Amino acid sequence: MDRTVLEAGDLAKSFTGPPLFAGLSLRAEAGLVAVSGPNGSGKTTLLKILAGLIRPSSGTVRLLRAGRELTGDERRLAVGWSGPDLDFYGELTALENLVFFRRLAGLPGKPEDLGPRLSSLGLHGAGDRRVAEFSTGMKQRVRIAFALLFDSPVLLLDEPFAGLDTDGRTRVMAMIRERRAVGPVIIASNDPADLGQPDQSVVLGMA
């Protein structure tokens, strides 16, 4: 299978005042990319730009497969993203949320297929509970499950270990080790311990 390559060229982003970052370029085909920097340096903003959730002030982001640039739905499904501001429908169960978002993307959403994904993240038996009843750590596990929901070759994880206990951290670390061997995994974190031994590093806020 052809790998999906993420390429970012000469990215810059500003809201008001000086840019958060400028002249940022990145190419990732597989492996772990660590994005670090102090609060307010633009880590979350960068991941959202790479995910196509917000636009850069300048520069380009491309996803390539077999030398061809992905567009439209193909591009959207090629990226799995999670972040602290990702929320779910509290009145729905964890499993119902995953089924809803799979079907919204035009993909099959069978509960019997998605339940094991929650179990792999330590939520066995919790899939039928309303998300509104979940603890912070349980909601974080659902966020990680959402990032994996579309079987995307590119993973963008913003503070993926936030609120997780030891079991949760162990499970997410194992998933990252598995996924970095076959595609790009880009993690943003304030904690160096979360970043492990990356293949590439992007340090923001150094200007």
Protein backbone atom coordinates (compact mmCIF):
# COMPACT_ATOMS: atom_id res chain seq x y z
CA MET A 1 0.00 0.00 0.00
CA ASP A 2 1.26 3.47 -0.88
CA ARG A 3 1.95 5.60 2.15
CA THR A 4 0.32 8.97 2.65
CA VAL A 5 2.82 11.80 2.93
CA LEU A 6 2.07 15.06 4.72
CA GLU A 7 3.91 18.10 3.39
CA ALA A 8 3.73 21.58 4.88
CA GLY A 9 5.54 24.40 3.11
CA ASP A 10 6.49 27.82 4.50
CA LEU A 11 3.55 27.98 6.90
CA ALA A 12 2.76 31.15 8.81
CA LYS A 13 -0.15 32.02 11.07
CA SER A 14 -1.12 35.22 12.81
CA PHE A 15 -4.34 36.38 14.42
CA THR A 16 -3.59 39.83 15.78
CA GLY A 17 -0.10 41.10 16.37
CA PRO A 18 3.08 39.16 15.54
CA PRO A 19 2.75 35.75 13.87
CA LEU A 20 2.64 32.66 16.05
CA PHE A 21 5.06 31.05 13.62
CA ALA A 22 6.40 31.72 10.14
CA GLY A 23 8.50 29.90 7.56
CA LEU A 24 7.57 26.49 8.99
CA SER A 25 8.08 23.52 6.67
CA LEU A 26 7.63 19.83 7.37
CA ARG A 27 7.55 16.54 5.50
CA ALA A 28 6.41 13.33 7.18
CA GLU A 29 5.89 9.93 5.58
CA ALA A 30 6.11 7.76 8.69
CA GLY A 31 7.38 8.08 12.23
CA LEU A 32 6.70 10.37 15.16
CA VAL A 33 6.85 14.15 14.84
CA ALA A 34 6.96 16.03 18.16
CA VAL A 35 5.61 19.58 18.31
CA SER A 36 6.67 21.41 21.47
CA GLY A 37 6.82 24.94 22.79
CA PRO A 38 5.48 27.11 25.61
CA ASN A 39 1.82 27.93 26.12
CA GLY A 40 0.57 30.24 23.39
CA SER A 41 3.30 29.33 20.92
CA GLY A 42 0.85 27.89 18.38
CA LYS A 43 1.01 24.13 18.88
CA THR A 44 -2.75 23.62 18.73
CA THR A 45 -3.05 26.10 15.88
CA LEU A 46 -0.41 24.24 13.87
CA LEU A 47 -2.13 20.88 14.29
CA LYS A 48 -5.47 22.37 13.27
CA ILE A 49 -3.86 23.84 10.16
CA LEU A 50 -2.34 20.45 9.29
CA ALA A 51 -5.76 18.85 9.85
CA GLY A 52 -7.44 21.37 7.56
CA LEU A 53 -9.60 22.77 10.36
CA ILE A 54 -8.26 26.32 10.02
CA ARG A 55 -6.37 28.09 7.26
CA PRO A 56 -2.80 29.32 7.51
CA SER A 57 -2.10 32.99 6.91
CA SER A 58 0.30 31.81 4.22
CA GLY A 59 1.92 28.60 3.08
CA THR A 60 0.54 25.25 1.97
CA VAL A 61 -0.39 21.86 3.39
CA ARG A 62 -0.60 18.89 1.05
CA LEU A 63 -1.36 15.21 1.46
CA LEU A 64 0.21 13.00 -1.20
CA ARG A 65 -0.30 9.34 -2.07
CA ALA A 66 1.67 7.72 -4.87
CA GLY A 67 2.72 11.22 -5.90
CA ARG A 68 -0.88 12.40 -6.24
CA GLU A 69 -2.34 15.16 -4.08
CA LEU A 70 -5.45 14.18 -2.14
CA THR A 71 -8.46 16.49 -2.31
CA GLY A 72 -12.00 16.74 -0.96
CA ASP A 73 -13.42 13.82 1.01
CA GLU A 74 -10.32 11.76 0.32
CA ARG A 75 -8.20 14.36 2.11
CA ARG A 76 -10.61 14.74 5.03
CA LEU A 77 -10.65 11.02 5.71
CA ALA A 78 -6.86 10.75 5.45
CA VAL A 79 -6.32 12.69 8.68
CA GLY A 80 -7.35 11.61 12.17
CA TRP A 81 -7.34 14.42 14.73
CA SER A 82 -7.98 14.79 18.44
CA GLY A 83 -7.58 17.75 20.74
CA PRO A 84 -8.70 19.13 24.11
CA ASP A 85 -11.58 21.08 22.57
CA LEU A 86 -13.01 18.04 20.77
CA ASP A 87 -16.41 17.40 22.35
CA PHE A 88 -19.16 14.85 21.91
CA TYR A 89 -22.92 14.62 22.33
CA GLY A 90 -23.31 14.09 26.06
CA GLU A 91 -26.79 12.60 25.79
CA LEU A 92 -25.47 9.87 23.46
CA THR A 93 -23.39 6.91 24.53
CA ALA A 94 -19.74 6.66 23.56
CA LEU A 95 -20.61 4.02 20.98
CA GLU A 96 -23.50 6.05 19.58
CA ASN A 97 -21.17 9.01 19.12
CA LEU A 98 -18.68 6.93 17.14
CA VAL A 99 -21.44 5.40 15.01
CA PHE A 100 -22.88 8.86 14.33
CA PHE A 101 -19.58 10.39 13.21
CA ARG A 102 -18.67 7.38 11.03
CA ARG A 103 -22.00 7.56 9.25
CA LEU A 104 -21.79 11.35 8.96
CA ALA A 105 -18.55 10.81 7.03
CA GLY A 106 -20.32 8.39 4.70
CA LEU A 107 -18.65 5.30 6.15
CA PRO A 108 -20.22 2.14 7.59
CA GLY A 109 -20.94 2.58 11.28
CA LYS A 110 -21.83 -0.76 12.84
CA PRO A 111 -21.75 -0.85 16.65
CA GLU A 112 -20.34 -4.37 16.63
CA ASP A 113 -17.36 -3.14 14.61
CA LEU A 114 -16.72 0.02 16.63
CA GLY A 115 -17.11 -1.45 20.12
CA PRO A 116 -13.72 -3.19 20.01
CA ARG A 117 -12.06 0.16 19.29
CA LEU A 118 -13.32 1.50 22.59
CA SER A 119 -12.26 -1.70 24.34
CA SER A 120 -8.72 -1.38 22.98
CA LEU A 121 -8.48 1.98 24.76
CA GLY A 122 -9.71 0.59 28.07
CA LEU A 123 -13.40 1.44 27.70
CA HIS A 124 -14.68 -2.14 27.61
CA GLY A 125 -18.21 -2.13 28.98
CA ALA A 126 -18.43 1.67 28.93
CA GLY A 127 -19.54 2.06 25.33
CA ASP A 128 -23.21 1.95 26.34
CA ARG A 129 -22.87 4.73 28.91
CA ARG A 130 -23.73 8.35 28.15
CA VAL A 131 -20.65 10.49 27.54
CA ALA A 132 -22.05 13.08 29.97
CA GLU A 133 -21.37 10.55 32.75
CA PHE A 134 -17.72 10.05 31.80
CA SER A 135 -14.74 11.26 33.80
CA THR A 136 -12.12 13.52 32.21
CA GLY A 137 -9.87 10.54 31.50
CA MET A 138 -12.66 8.51 29.94
CA LYS A 139 -13.59 11.39 27.65
CA GLN A 140 -9.95 11.63 26.60
CA ARG A 141 -9.98 7.96 25.60
CA VAL A 142 -13.06 8.65 23.45
CA ARG A 143 -11.16 11.53 21.80
CA ILE A 144 -8.36 9.13 20.89
CA ALA A 145 -10.93 6.65 19.55
CA PHE A 146 -12.32 9.48 17.41
CA ALA A 147 -8.86 10.14 15.94
CA LEU A 148 -8.75 6.48 14.88
CA LEU A 149 -12.36 6.41 13.70
CA PHE A 150 -11.77 6.76 9.96
CA ASP A 151 -8.70 4.48 9.78
CA SER A 152 -6.77 7.55 8.68
CA PRO A 153 -3.12 7.08 7.68
CA VAL A 154 -2.13 10.42 9.26
CA LEU A 155 -2.69 11.04 12.99
CA LEU A 156 -2.60 14.48 14.63
CA LEU A 157 -2.83 14.27 18.41
CA ASP A 158 -2.98 17.44 20.51
CA GLU A 159 -2.11 16.68 24.17
CA PRO A 160 -3.13 13.02 23.77
CA PHE A 161 -2.16 12.04 27.33
CA ALA A 162 -4.08 14.82 29.11
CA GLY A 163 -6.15 13.42 31.96
CA LEU A 164 -5.12 9.80 31.38
CA ASP A 165 -4.17 7.42 34.17
CA THR A 166 -1.29 4.94 33.88
CA ASP A 167 -3.40 2.39 32.02
CA GLY A 168 -4.62 5.00 29.57
CA ARG A 169 -1.12 6.31 28.91
CA THR A 170 0.16 2.78 28.33
CA ARG A 171 -2.59 2.02 25.82
CA VAL A 172 -2.14 5.26 23.89
CA MET A 173 1.65 4.86 23.82
CA ALA A 174 1.24 1.34 22.41
CA MET A 175 -1.10 2.65 19.71
CA ILE A 176 1.37 5.40 18.78
CA ARG A 177 4.25 2.90 18.52
CA GLU A 178 2.17 0.77 16.18
CA ARG A 179 0.94 3.64 14.03
CA ARG A 180 4.25 5.49 13.66
CA ALA A 181 5.69 2.45 11.89
CA VAL A 182 3.25 2.82 8.99
CA GLY A 183 2.40 6.52 8.79
CA PRO A 184 2.95 9.97 10.26
CA VAL A 185 1.94 10.55 13.88
CA ILE A 186 2.24 14.19 14.94
CA ILE A 187 1.92 14.96 18.66
CA ALA A 188 1.74 18.36 20.34
CA SER A 189 2.48 18.53 24.05
CA ASN A 190 3.82 20.77 26.79
CA ASP A 191 5.36 17.77 28.55
CA PRO A 192 8.61 16.37 27.10
CA ALA A 193 7.79 13.00 28.67
CA ASP A 194 4.81 12.72 26.31
CA LEU A 195 6.97 13.08 23.22
CA GLY A 196 9.25 10.08 23.72
CA GLN A 197 11.96 9.73 21.10
CA PRO A 198 10.57 11.40 17.98
CA ASP A 199 11.88 11.02 14.46
CA GLN A 200 11.41 14.75 13.89
CA SER A 201 10.92 17.72 16.21
CA VAL A 202 9.22 21.06 15.66
CA VAL A 203 9.91 23.61 18.39
CA LEU A 204 7.69 26.70 18.40
CA GLY A 205 8.07 29.97 20.25
CA MET A 206 11.84 30.19 19.88
CA ALA A 207 11.90 33.63 18.23
